[in-house]
C-alpha atoms as a PDB file:
ATOM      1  CA  MET A   1       0.018   0.016  -0.062  1.00  0.00           C
ATOM      2  CA  ALA A   2       1.376   3.308  -1.010  1.00  0.00           C
ATOM      3  CA  PRO A   3       1.775   5.848   1.955  1.00  0.00           C
ATOM      4  CA  ARG A   4      -0.850   8.167   0.592  1.00  0.00           C
ATOM      5  CA  GLU A   5      -3.670   5.493   0.585  1.00  0.00           C
ATOM      6  CA  LYS A   6      -6.145   4.941   3.255  1.00  0.00           C
ATOM      7  CA  TYR A   7      -6.523   1.781   5.340  1.00  0.00           C
ATOM      8  CA  ARG A   8      -9.731   0.037   4.539  1.00  0.00           C
ATOM      9  CA  VAL A   9     -11.404  -1.035   7.705  1.00  0.00           C
ATOM     10  CA  LEU A  10     -14.597  -3.095   8.130  1.00  0.00           C
ATOM     11  CA  PHE A  11     -16.334  -2.761  11.396  1.00  0.00           C
ATOM     12  CA  VAL A  12     -18.488  -5.830  12.206  1.00  0.00           C
ATOM     13  CA  CYS A  13     -21.102  -6.504  14.965  1.00  0.00           C
ATOM     14  CA  ILE A  14     -24.114  -8.704  15.235  1.00  0.00           C
ATOM     15  CA  GLY A  15     -26.909  -6.622  13.806  1.00  0.00           C
ATOM     16  CA  ASN A  16     -25.018  -3.763  12.134  1.00  0.00           C
ATOM     17  CA  SER A  17     -27.362  -1.459  13.835  1.00  0.00           C
ATOM     18  CA  CYS A  18     -25.462  -0.122  16.890  1.00  0.00           C
ATOM     19  CA  ARG A  19     -21.691  -0.627  17.384  1.00  0.00           C
ATOM     20  CA  SER A  20     -20.309  -1.132  13.981  1.00  0.00           C
ATOM     21  CA  PRO A  21     -22.348   1.772  12.359  1.00  0.00           C
ATOM     22  CA  ILE A  22     -21.079   3.878  15.431  1.00  0.00           C
ATOM     23  CA  ALA A  23     -17.582   2.950  14.579  1.00  0.00           C
ATOM     24  CA  GLU A  24     -18.098   3.631  10.876  1.00  0.00           C
ATOM     25  CA  ALA A  25     -19.486   7.125  11.607  1.00  0.00           C
ATOM     26  CA  VAL A  26     -16.775   7.997  14.122  1.00  0.00           C
ATOM     27  CA  ALA A  27     -14.004   6.834  11.617  1.00  0.00           C
ATOM     28  CA  ARG A  28     -15.599   8.780   8.858  1.00  0.00           C
ATOM     29  CA  GLN A  29     -15.305  11.905  10.860  1.00  0.00           C
ATOM     30  CA  VAL A  30     -12.235  11.679  12.988  1.00  0.00           C
ATOM     31  CA  ALA A  31     -10.007   9.542  10.745  1.00  0.00           C
ATOM     32  CA  SER A  32     -11.025  10.158   7.200  1.00  0.00           C
ATOM     33  CA  ASP A  33      -7.381  10.970   6.334  1.00  0.00           C
ATOM     34  CA  ILE A  34      -6.178   7.515   7.057  1.00  0.00           C
ATOM     35  CA  ILE A  35      -9.310   5.166   7.425  1.00  0.00           C
ATOM     36  CA  ASP A  36     -11.786   4.244   4.593  1.00  0.00           C
ATOM     37  CA  PRO A  37     -14.590   2.642   6.953  1.00  0.00           C
ATOM     38  CA  SER A  38     -17.494   0.310   6.346  1.00  0.00           C
ATOM     39  CA  SER A  39     -19.577  -1.791   8.377  1.00  0.00           C
ATOM     40  CA  ALA A  40     -21.571  -5.035   8.333  1.00  0.00           C
ATOM     41  CA  GLY A  41     -23.368  -7.463  10.497  1.00  0.00           C
ATOM     42  CA  LEU A  42     -23.347 -11.302  11.128  1.00  0.00           C
ATOM     43  CA  THR A  43     -27.203 -11.053  11.080  1.00  0.00           C
ATOM     44  CA  PRO A  44     -28.031  -7.421  10.145  1.00  0.00           C
ATOM     45  CA  LEU A  45     -31.190  -5.973  11.512  1.00  0.00           C
ATOM     46  CA  GLY A  46     -31.858  -4.147   8.308  1.00  0.00           C
ATOM     47  CA  HIS A  47     -31.918  -0.643   9.625  1.00  0.00           C
ATOM     48  CA  ILE A  48     -29.972   1.672  11.979  1.00  0.00           C
ATOM     49  CA  VAL A  49     -31.830   1.831  15.387  1.00  0.00           C
ATOM     50  CA  GLU A  50     -32.976   5.271  16.410  1.00  0.00           C
ATOM     51  CA  PRO A  51     -30.858   5.290  19.648  1.00  0.00           C
ATOM     52  CA  THR A  52     -27.844   4.879  17.431  1.00  0.00           C
ATOM     53  CA  ALA A  53     -28.770   7.771  15.155  1.00  0.00           C
ATOM     54  CA  ALA A  54     -29.640   9.882  18.251  1.00  0.00           C
ATOM     55  CA  THR A  55     -26.454   9.227  20.078  1.00  0.00           C
ATOM     56  CA  LEU A  56     -24.335   9.977  16.920  1.00  0.00           C
ATOM     57  CA  SER A  57     -26.241  13.186  16.427  1.00  0.00           C
ATOM     58  CA  VAL A  58     -25.851  14.321  20.096  1.00  0.00           C
ATOM     59  CA  ASN A  59     -22.205  13.727  19.780  1.00  0.00           C
ATOM     60  CA  GLY A  60     -21.799  15.636  16.558  1.00  0.00           C
ATOM     61  CA  TYR A  61     -21.515  12.628  14.148  1.00  0.00           C
ATOM     62  CA  SER A  62     -23.692  12.029  11.166  1.00  0.00           C
ATOM     63  CA  ALA A  63     -25.797   8.856  10.584  1.00  0.00           C
ATOM     64  CA  ALA A  64     -26.272   9.745   6.948  1.00  0.00           C
ATOM     65  CA  GLY A  65     -25.212   7.001   4.564  1.00  0.00           C
ATOM     66  CA  LEU A  66     -25.248   4.389   7.348  1.00  0.00           C
ATOM     67  CA  SER A  67     -27.146   1.109   6.455  1.00  0.00           C
ATOM     68  CA  SER A  68     -27.361  -2.340   8.116  1.00  0.00           C
ATOM     69  CA  LYS A  69     -26.151  -4.957   5.725  1.00  0.00           C
ATOM     70  CA  TRP A  70     -24.717  -8.494   5.714  1.00  0.00           C
ATOM     71  CA  LEU A  71     -21.026  -9.297   6.302  1.00  0.00           C
ATOM     72  CA  THR A  72     -19.836 -10.962   3.043  1.00  0.00           C
ATOM     73  CA  GLU A  73     -16.613 -12.680   2.093  1.00  0.00           C
ATOM     74  CA  GLU A  74     -16.001 -10.014  -0.604  1.00  0.00           C
ATOM     75  CA  ALA A  75     -16.345  -7.159   1.822  1.00  0.00           C
ATOM     76  CA  THR A  76     -13.740  -8.894   4.103  1.00  0.00           C
ATOM     77  CA  GLU A  77     -11.321  -9.501   1.112  1.00  0.00           C
ATOM     78  CA  ASP A  78     -11.619  -5.859   0.375  1.00  0.00           C
ATOM     79  CA  ALA A  79     -10.522  -4.909   3.995  1.00  0.00           C
ATOM     80  CA  ASP A  80      -7.152  -4.225   5.157  1.00  0.00           C
ATOM     81  CA  LEU A  81      -8.506  -4.918   8.673  1.00  0.00           C
ATOM     82  CA  VAL A  82     -11.647  -6.385   9.974  1.00  0.00           C
ATOM     83  CA  VAL A  83     -12.677  -5.046  13.471  1.00  0.00           C
ATOM     84  CA  ASN A  84     -14.874  -7.576  15.208  1.00  0.00           C
ATOM     85  CA  LEU A  85     -17.121  -5.962  17.701  1.00  0.00           C
ATOM     86  CA  SER A  86     -19.615  -8.836  17.930  1.00  0.00           C
ATOM     87  CA  GLY A  87     -17.982 -10.791  20.750  1.00  0.00           C
ATOM     88  CA  LEU A  88     -18.335 -13.894  18.522  1.00  0.00           C
ATOM     89  CA  PRO A  89     -15.861 -15.739  16.540  1.00  0.00           C
ATOM     90  CA  ILE A  90     -16.043 -15.155  12.838  1.00  0.00           C
ATOM     91  CA  ASP A  91     -14.402 -18.473  11.824  1.00  0.00           C
ATOM     92  CA  TRP A  92     -15.253 -18.413   8.057  1.00  0.00           C
ATOM     93  CA  LEU A  93     -13.118 -15.511   7.070  1.00  0.00           C
ATOM     94  CA  PRO A  94     -10.843 -16.095   4.105  1.00  0.00           C
ATOM     95  CA  ARG A  95      -7.352 -16.963   5.101  1.00  0.00           C
ATOM     96  CA  GLY A  96      -4.970 -14.063   5.461  1.00  0.00           C
ATOM     97  CA  VAL A  97      -7.779 -11.536   6.572  1.00  0.00           C
ATOM     98  CA  LYS A  98      -6.361  -9.462   9.384  1.00  0.00           C
ATOM     99  CA  VAL A  99      -8.856  -9.327  12.306  1.00  0.00           C
ATOM    100  CA  GLU A 100      -8.732  -7.195  15.564  1.00  0.00           C
ATOM    101  CA  GLU A 101     -11.245  -8.110  18.456  1.00  0.00           C
ATOM    102  CA  TRP A 102     -12.775  -5.177  20.159  1.00  0.00           C
ATOM    103  CA  PRO A 103     -14.780  -6.334  23.178  1.00  0.00           C
ATOM    104  CA  VAL A 104     -17.427  -3.645  23.317  1.00  0.00           C
ATOM    105  CA  ASP A 105     -20.779  -4.109  25.002  1.00  0.00           C
ATOM    106  CA  ASP A 106     -23.842  -4.305  22.717  1.00  0.00           C
ATOM    107  CA  PRO A 107     -26.078  -1.431  23.512  1.00  0.00           C
ATOM    108  CA  TYR A 108     -29.139  -2.664  21.619  1.00  0.00           C
ATOM    109  CA  GLY A 109     -32.353  -2.053  23.669  1.00  0.00           C
ATOM    110  CA  ALA A 110     -30.420  -0.339  26.443  1.00  0.00           C
ATOM    111  CA  ALA A 111     -30.851   3.049  28.031  1.00  0.00           C
ATOM    112  CA  PRO A 112     -29.273   6.200  26.195  1.00  0.00           C
ATOM    113  CA  ALA A 113     -26.536   6.201  28.805  1.00  0.00           C
ATOM    114  CA  THR A 114     -25.353   2.857  27.659  1.00  0.00           C
ATOM    115  CA  TYR A 115     -25.379   4.052  24.046  1.00  0.00           C
ATOM    116  CA  GLN A 116     -23.290   7.059  25.112  1.00  0.00           C
ATOM    117  CA  ARG A 117     -20.825   4.914  26.927  1.00  0.00           C
ATOM    118  CA  VAL A 118     -20.416   2.600  23.993  1.00  0.00           C
ATOM    119  CA  LEU A 119     -19.956   5.532  21.696  1.00  0.00           C
ATOM    120  CA  GLU A 120     -17.265   6.916  23.909  1.00  0.00           C
ATOM    121  CA  GLU A 121     -15.448   3.572  24.128  1.00  0.00           C
ATOM    122  CA  ILE A 122     -15.671   3.127  20.267  1.00  0.00           C
ATOM    123  CA  GLU A 123     -14.392   6.712  19.791  1.00  0.00           C
ATOM    124  CA  ALA A 124     -11.312   6.100  21.878  1.00  0.00           C
ATOM    125  CA  ARG A 125     -10.612   2.751  20.039  1.00  0.00           C
ATOM    126  CA  VAL A 126     -10.976   4.414  16.592  1.00  0.00           C
ATOM    127  CA  LEU A 127      -8.812   7.373  17.534  1.00  0.00           C
ATOM    128  CA  ALA A 128      -6.157   4.864  18.924  1.00  0.00           C
ATOM    129  CA  LEU A 129      -6.441   2.802  15.636  1.00  0.00           C
ATOM    130  CA  ALA A 130      -6.080   5.898  13.566  1.00  0.00           C
ATOM    131  CA  ALA A 131      -3.026   7.050  15.473  1.00  0.00           C
ATOM    132  CA  ARG A 132      -1.417   3.540  14.810  1.00  0.00           C
ATOM    133  CA  PHE A 133      -2.190   3.702  11.150  1.00  0.00           C
ATOM    134  CA  ARG A 134      -0.809   7.284  10.840  1.00  0.00           C
ATOM    135  CA  LEU A 135       2.425   6.096  12.541  1.00  0.00           C
ATOM    136  CA  GLN A 136       2.746   3.263  10.217  1.00  0.00           C
ATOM    137  CA  ALA A 137       2.095   5.344   7.196  1.00  0.00           C
ATOM    138  CA  GLY A 138       4.741   7.789   8.424  1.00  0.00           C
ATOM    139  CA  ASP A 139       7.125   4.913   8.810  1.00  0.00           C
ATOM    140  CA  ARG A 140       6.425   3.609   5.349  1.00  0.00           C
ATOM    141  CA  GLY A 141       6.983   7.042   3.920  1.00  0.00           C
ATOM    142  CA  ARG A 142      10.349   7.556   5.602  1.00  0.00           C
ATOM    143  CA  ALA A 143      11.398   4.006   4.452  1.00  0.00           C
ATOM    144  CA  HIS A 144      10.923   5.167   0.826  1.00  0.00           C
ATOM    145  CA  HIS A 145      12.788   8.456   1.294  1.00  0.00           C
ATOM    146  CA  PRO A 146      16.274   8.186   2.794  1.00  0.00           C
END
């Protein structure tokens, strides 16, 4: 990957209605220079639940363009990294797909305070991931320029 390219990160949860769309929206806003985010679900609900959209909005993130969709083999093959927020093993992934496990509670059906806590945890993790990628991209850039 050339230093100017973004890392394609696929965020995965169970219903693709809470955690993974939150991660996608946060990454889109705070790490668009280094992360090209997408999201999917193991058993997608088919829509983004209102508490997810409301929590994103209250925190200054947009839910525009988010949708609840199936995790596909093609999507995983296109990703540089799959971030598994589901808490479940995804053992059918193609060989060589890099996976990072993020143990984040599922807020589905919980109180707004739980959605807020989950958003804050995901936001911190996305910021740390972006910082790691920026450092790696910088190292790659220096490796090509003596």
